[in-house]
Amino acid sequence: MSSKMELYRRYHAPVFQVACRILQDRVIAEDVMQDTMIIAFDKLDSLQEVEKLRSWLCTIARNESLRELKRRRKVSFDDESYPEIDASEDKVFAEHWTVEEIMKEIDALPDGYRVILNLYLLDNLSHEEISETLNISAGTSRSQYLRAKARLRQQMLRSDERRTEKSI
């Protein structure tokens, strides 16, 4: 088996997951996965630390996914205001939810919020890195993160209310 086929076989799933998480469309995510692999094959010689191959591929996938979102003009940031969140309540609030349920709620957020939460919480990018990636200011990244968190909390509260109504 060729080294490119082995690379594809080994890493296509995590690359696809990154693209799917950002794009929320399996067909487009597959295209981005293919594009990512083509870019990686072309630039493989530039990778200096082989042990960082997975991270490098996922970074390419993230950047290509964000480029695709921008191309489709699907990422927008709003000025909706949400109440301040008491961070001490987050832990108690999250104890009633599984990771899968929380991810489903994150996936239901508008693209701008979902992308910021994914980049900050799941990809561990700083607000400065997010600002460079999305071509926004670090302050916008921070405020959108707080708004996304508040919106997520509202969604989860509504879901909790629906659960309670069903159980009565």
C-alpha atoms as a PDB file:
ATOM      1  CA  MET A   1       0.000   0.000   0.000  1.00  0.00           C
ATOM      2  CA  SER A   2       1.350   3.422  -0.888  1.00  0.00           C
ATOM      3  CA  SER A   3       2.259   5.876   1.860  1.00  0.00           C
ATOM      4  CA  LYS A   4      -0.461   8.275   0.657  1.00  0.00           C
ATOM      5  CA  MET A   5      -3.109   5.567   0.870  1.00  0.00           C
ATOM      6  CA  GLU A   6      -1.894   4.663   4.357  1.00  0.00           C
ATOM      7  CA  LEU A   7      -2.025   8.330   5.392  1.00  0.00           C
ATOM      8  CA  TYR A   8      -5.564   8.596   4.054  1.00  0.00           C
ATOM      9  CA  ARG A   9      -6.689   5.341   5.671  1.00  0.00           C
ATOM     10  CA  ARG A  10      -5.258   6.321   9.018  1.00  0.00           C
ATOM     11  CA  TYR A  11      -6.378   9.947   9.229  1.00  0.00           C
ATOM     12  CA  HIS A  12      -9.454  10.472   7.062  1.00  0.00           C
ATOM     13  CA  ALA A  13     -11.870   9.888   9.980  1.00  0.00           C
ATOM     14  CA  PRO A  14     -10.500  12.575  12.346  1.00  0.00           C
ATOM     15  CA  VAL A  15     -10.142  15.017   9.432  1.00  0.00           C
ATOM     16  CA  PHE A  16     -13.748  14.331   8.442  1.00  0.00           C
ATOM     17  CA  GLN A  17     -14.917  14.872  12.050  1.00  0.00           C
ATOM     18  CA  VAL A  18     -13.259  18.297  12.182  1.00  0.00           C
ATOM     19  CA  ALA A  19     -14.859  19.330   8.887  1.00  0.00           C
ATOM     20  CA  CYS A  20     -18.265  17.933   9.853  1.00  0.00           C
ATOM     21  CA  ARG A  21     -18.229  19.685  13.224  1.00  0.00           C
ATOM     22  CA  ILE A  22     -17.611  23.041  11.582  1.00  0.00           C
ATOM     23  CA  LEU A  23     -19.667  22.672   8.415  1.00  0.00           C
ATOM     24  CA  GLN A  24     -22.654  20.671   9.701  1.00  0.00           C
ATOM     25  CA  ASP A  25     -23.013  19.086   6.268  1.00  0.00           C
ATOM     26  CA  ARG A  26     -21.614  15.615   5.609  1.00  0.00           C
ATOM     27  CA  VAL A  27     -21.391  16.027   1.832  1.00  0.00           C
ATOM     28  CA  ILE A  28     -19.471  19.307   2.032  1.00  0.00           C
ATOM     29  CA  ALA A  29     -17.352  17.872   4.862  1.00  0.00           C
ATOM     30  CA  GLU A  30     -16.383  14.962   2.603  1.00  0.00           C
ATOM     31  CA  ASP A  31     -15.276  17.433  -0.072  1.00  0.00           C
ATOM     32  CA  VAL A  32     -13.249  19.352   2.503  1.00  0.00           C
ATOM     33  CA  MET A  33     -11.730  16.089   3.748  1.00  0.00           C
ATOM     34  CA  GLN A  34     -10.627  15.270   0.189  1.00  0.00           C
ATOM     35  CA  ASP A  35      -9.253  18.793  -0.300  1.00  0.00           C
ATOM     36  CA  THR A  36      -7.398  18.500   3.006  1.00  0.00           C
ATOM     37  CA  MET A  37      -5.771  15.250   1.950  1.00  0.00           C
ATOM     38  CA  ILE A  38      -4.734  16.689  -1.418  1.00  0.00           C
ATOM     39  CA  ILE A  39      -3.194  19.721   0.304  1.00  0.00           C
ATOM     40  CA  ALA A  40      -1.445  17.441   2.788  1.00  0.00           C
ATOM     41  CA  PHE A  41      -0.057  15.216   0.036  1.00  0.00           C
ATOM     42  CA  ASP A  42       1.299  18.284  -1.762  1.00  0.00           C
ATOM     43  CA  LYS A  43       2.838  19.808   1.371  1.00  0.00           C
ATOM     44  CA  LEU A  44       3.914  16.675   3.232  1.00  0.00           C
ATOM     45  CA  ASP A  45       7.570  17.540   2.682  1.00  0.00           C
ATOM     46  CA  SER A  46       7.094  20.769   4.652  1.00  0.00           C
ATOM     47  CA  LEU A  47       5.994  18.894   7.805  1.00  0.00           C
ATOM     48  CA  GLN A  48       8.978  19.025  10.137  1.00  0.00           C
ATOM     49  CA  GLU A  49       7.686  17.005  13.085  1.00  0.00           C
ATOM     50  CA  VAL A  50       6.091  13.747  11.966  1.00  0.00           C
ATOM     51  CA  GLU A  51       4.629  13.182  15.444  1.00  0.00           C
ATOM     52  CA  LYS A  52       2.408  16.225  14.857  1.00  0.00           C
ATOM     53  CA  LEU A  53       0.912  14.803  11.649  1.00  0.00           C
ATOM     54  CA  ARG A  54      -2.618  14.363  13.032  1.00  0.00           C
ATOM     55  CA  SER A  55      -2.664  17.868  14.501  1.00  0.00           C
ATOM     56  CA  TRP A  56      -1.304  19.291  11.233  1.00  0.00           C
ATOM     57  CA  LEU A  57      -3.987  17.509   9.188  1.00  0.00           C
ATOM     58  CA  CYS A  58      -6.743  18.662  11.543  1.00  0.00           C
ATOM     59  CA  THR A  59      -5.468  22.237  11.312  1.00  0.00           C
ATOM     60  CA  ILE A  60      -5.606  22.059   7.519  1.00  0.00           C
ATOM     61  CA  ALA A  61      -9.147  20.613   7.754  1.00  0.00           C
ATOM     62  CA  ARG A  62     -10.230  23.348  10.164  1.00  0.00           C
ATOM     63  CA  ASN A  63      -8.825  26.086   7.938  1.00  0.00           C
ATOM     64  CA  GLU A  64     -10.376  24.594   4.797  1.00  0.00           C
ATOM     65  CA  SER A  65     -13.731  24.203   6.590  1.00  0.00           C
ATOM     66  CA  LEU A  66     -13.679  27.809   7.734  1.00  0.00           C
ATOM     67  CA  ARG A  67     -12.693  28.923   4.233  1.00  0.00           C
ATOM     68  CA  GLU A  68     -15.686  26.988   2.881  1.00  0.00           C
ATOM     69  CA  LEU A  69     -18.026  28.597   5.427  1.00  0.00           C
ATOM     70  CA  LYS A  70     -16.765  32.037   4.457  1.00  0.00           C
ATOM     71  CA  ARG A  71     -17.103  31.205   0.770  1.00  0.00           C
ATOM     72  CA  ARG A  72     -20.709  30.273   1.376  1.00  0.00           C
ATOM     73  CA  ARG A  73     -21.077  33.374   3.583  1.00  0.00           C
ATOM     74  CA  LYS A  74     -22.591  31.307   6.361  1.00  0.00           C
ATOM     75  CA  VAL A  75     -20.643  32.738   9.272  1.00  0.00           C
ATOM     76  CA  SER A  76     -22.089  35.860  10.773  1.00  0.00           C
ATOM     77  CA  PHE A  77     -21.878  37.382  14.189  1.00  0.00           C
ATOM     78  CA  ASP A  78     -24.824  39.130  15.763  1.00  0.00           C
ATOM     79  CA  ASP A  79     -25.198  41.840  18.343  1.00  0.00           C
ATOM     80  CA  GLU A  80     -27.973  40.133  20.267  1.00  0.00           C
ATOM     81  CA  SER A  81     -27.519  40.747  23.957  1.00  0.00           C
ATOM     82  CA  TYR A  82     -27.726  38.009  26.529  1.00  0.00           C
ATOM     83  CA  PRO A  83     -27.597  38.236  30.298  1.00  0.00           C
ATOM     84  CA  GLU A  84     -24.293  37.694  32.038  1.00  0.00           C
ATOM     85  CA  ILE A  85     -23.627  34.088  32.976  1.00  0.00           C
ATOM     86  CA  ASP A  86     -22.623  33.109  36.467  1.00  0.00           C
ATOM     87  CA  ALA A  87     -19.809  30.648  35.764  1.00  0.00           C
ATOM     88  CA  SER A  88     -20.346  28.908  39.115  1.00  0.00           C
ATOM     89  CA  GLU A  89     -23.750  27.732  37.846  1.00  0.00           C
ATOM     90  CA  ASP A  90     -22.245  26.094  34.750  1.00  0.00           C
ATOM     91  CA  LYS A  91     -20.884  23.085  36.617  1.00  0.00           C
ATOM     92  CA  VAL A  92     -24.197  22.324  38.324  1.00  0.00           C
ATOM     93  CA  PHE A  93     -26.058  22.959  35.085  1.00  0.00           C
ATOM     94  CA  ALA A  94     -23.802  20.648  33.047  1.00  0.00           C
ATOM     95  CA  GLU A  95     -24.102  17.757  35.507  1.00  0.00           C
ATOM     96  CA  HIS A  96     -27.568  16.945  34.142  1.00  0.00           C
ATOM     97  CA  TRP A  97     -26.364  16.653  30.549  1.00  0.00           C
ATOM     98  CA  THR A  98     -24.306  14.054  28.716  1.00  0.00           C
ATOM     99  CA  VAL A  99     -21.498  15.113  26.405  1.00  0.00           C
ATOM    100  CA  GLU A 100     -23.569  13.906  23.436  1.00  0.00           C
ATOM    101  CA  GLU A 101     -26.543  16.052  24.497  1.00  0.00           C
ATOM    102  CA  ILE A 102     -24.350  19.122  24.936  1.00  0.00           C
ATOM    103  CA  MET A 103     -22.726  18.545  21.524  1.00  0.00           C
ATOM    104  CA  LYS A 104     -26.171  18.256  19.960  1.00  0.00           C
ATOM    105  CA  GLU A 105     -27.134  21.605  21.500  1.00  0.00           C
ATOM    106  CA  ILE A 106     -23.875  23.180  20.275  1.00  0.00           C
ATOM    107  CA  ASP A 107     -24.580  21.824  16.782  1.00  0.00           C
ATOM    108  CA  ALA A 108     -27.977  23.567  16.846  1.00  0.00           C
ATOM    109  CA  LEU A 109     -26.407  27.001  17.420  1.00  0.00           C
ATOM    110  CA  PRO A 110     -26.160  29.513  14.573  1.00  0.00           C
ATOM    111  CA  ASP A 111     -22.944  29.038  12.578  1.00  0.00           C
ATOM    112  CA  GLY A 112     -21.066  31.999  14.044  1.00  0.00           C
ATOM    113  CA  TYR A 113     -21.645  30.886  17.626  1.00  0.00           C
ATOM    114  CA  ARG A 114     -21.031  27.220  16.861  1.00  0.00           C
ATOM    115  CA  VAL A 115     -17.734  27.963  15.117  1.00  0.00           C
ATOM    116  CA  ILE A 116     -16.456  30.161  17.971  1.00  0.00           C
ATOM    117  CA  LEU A 117     -17.400  27.559  20.613  1.00  0.00           C
ATOM    118  CA  ASN A 118     -15.793  24.759  18.609  1.00  0.00           C
ATOM    119  CA  LEU A 119     -12.582  26.679  18.024  1.00  0.00           C
ATOM    120  CA  TYR A 120     -12.286  27.846  21.619  1.00  0.00           C
ATOM    121  CA  LEU A 121     -13.538  24.822  23.570  1.00  0.00           C
ATOM    122  CA  LEU A 122     -12.778  21.861  21.325  1.00  0.00           C
ATOM    123  CA  ASP A 123      -9.778  23.024  19.306  1.00  0.00           C
ATOM    124  CA  ASN A 124      -8.300  24.939  22.273  1.00  0.00           C
ATOM    125  CA  LEU A 125      -7.509  28.036  20.224  1.00  0.00           C
ATOM    126  CA  SER A 126      -6.980  31.314  22.042  1.00  0.00           C
ATOM    127  CA  HIS A 127      -9.122  34.314  21.151  1.00  0.00           C
ATOM    128  CA  GLU A 128      -6.079  35.774  19.398  1.00  0.00           C
ATOM    129  CA  GLU A 129      -5.738  32.617  17.264  1.00  0.00           C
ATOM    130  CA  ILE A 130      -9.482  32.641  16.537  1.00  0.00           C
ATOM    131  CA  SER A 131      -9.266  36.287  15.512  1.00  0.00           C
ATOM    132  CA  GLU A 132      -6.487  35.474  13.027  1.00  0.00           C
ATOM    133  CA  THR A 133      -8.332  32.420  11.716  1.00  0.00           C
ATOM    134  CA  LEU A 134     -11.675  34.189  11.227  1.00  0.00           C
ATOM    135  CA  ASN A 135     -10.245  37.607  10.402  1.00  0.00           C
ATOM    136  CA  ILE A 136     -12.068  39.279  13.305  1.00  0.00           C
ATOM    137  CA  SER A 137     -10.735  41.110  16.347  1.00  0.00           C
ATOM    138  CA  ALA A 138      -9.855  39.212  19.516  1.00  0.00           C
ATOM    139  CA  GLY A 139     -12.479  41.327  21.307  1.00  0.00           C
ATOM    140  CA  THR A 140     -15.131  40.154  18.841  1.00  0.00           C
ATOM    141  CA  SER A 141     -14.037  36.580  19.440  1.00  0.00           C
ATOM    142  CA  ARG A 142     -14.377  37.036  23.206  1.00  0.00           C
ATOM    143  CA  SER A 143     -17.774  38.721  23.006  1.00  0.00           C
ATOM    144  CA  GLN A 144     -19.092  36.149  20.518  1.00  0.00           C
ATOM    145  CA  TYR A 145     -17.848  33.360  22.777  1.00  0.00           C
ATOM    146  CA  LEU A 146     -19.750  34.850  25.735  1.00  0.00           C
ATOM    147  CA  ARG A 147     -22.849  35.335  23.607  1.00  0.00           C
ATOM    148  CA  ALA A 148     -22.572  31.802  22.251  1.00  0.00           C
ATOM    149  CA  LYS A 149     -22.275  30.462  25.772  1.00  0.00           C
ATOM    150  CA  ALA A 150     -25.349  32.436  26.862  1.00  0.00           C
ATOM    151  CA  ARG A 151     -27.313  31.279  23.806  1.00  0.00           C
ATOM    152  CA  LEU A 152     -26.288  27.674  24.467  1.00  0.00           C
ATOM    153  CA  ARG A 153     -27.434  28.022  28.064  1.00  0.00           C
ATOM    154  CA  GLN A 154     -30.824  29.386  26.925  1.00  0.00           C
ATOM    155  CA  GLN A 155     -31.232  26.506  24.482  1.00  0.00           C
ATOM    156  CA  MET A 156     -30.379  23.994  27.170  1.00  0.00           C
ATOM    157  CA  LEU A 157     -32.814  25.586  29.630  1.00  0.00           C
ATOM    158  CA  ARG A 158     -35.580  25.372  27.011  1.00  0.00           C
ATOM    159  CA  SER A 159     -34.698  21.736  26.378  1.00  0.00           C
ATOM    160  CA  ASP A 160     -34.816  21.085  30.123  1.00  0.00           C
ATOM    161  CA  GLU A 161     -38.276  22.680  30.277  1.00  0.00           C
ATOM    162  CA  ARG A 162     -39.488  20.466  27.423  1.00  0.00           C
ATOM    163  CA  ARG A 163     -38.083  17.389  29.183  1.00  0.00           C
ATOM    164  CA  THR A 164     -39.896  18.356  32.394  1.00  0.00           C
ATOM    165  CA  GLU A 165     -43.178  18.920  30.549  1.00  0.00           C
ATOM    166  CA  LYS A 166     -42.920  15.501  28.896  1.00  0.00           C
ATOM    167  CA  SER A 167     -42.278  13.741  32.190  1.00  0.00           C
ATOM    168  CA  ILE A 168     -45.327  15.290  33.888  1.00  0.00           C
END
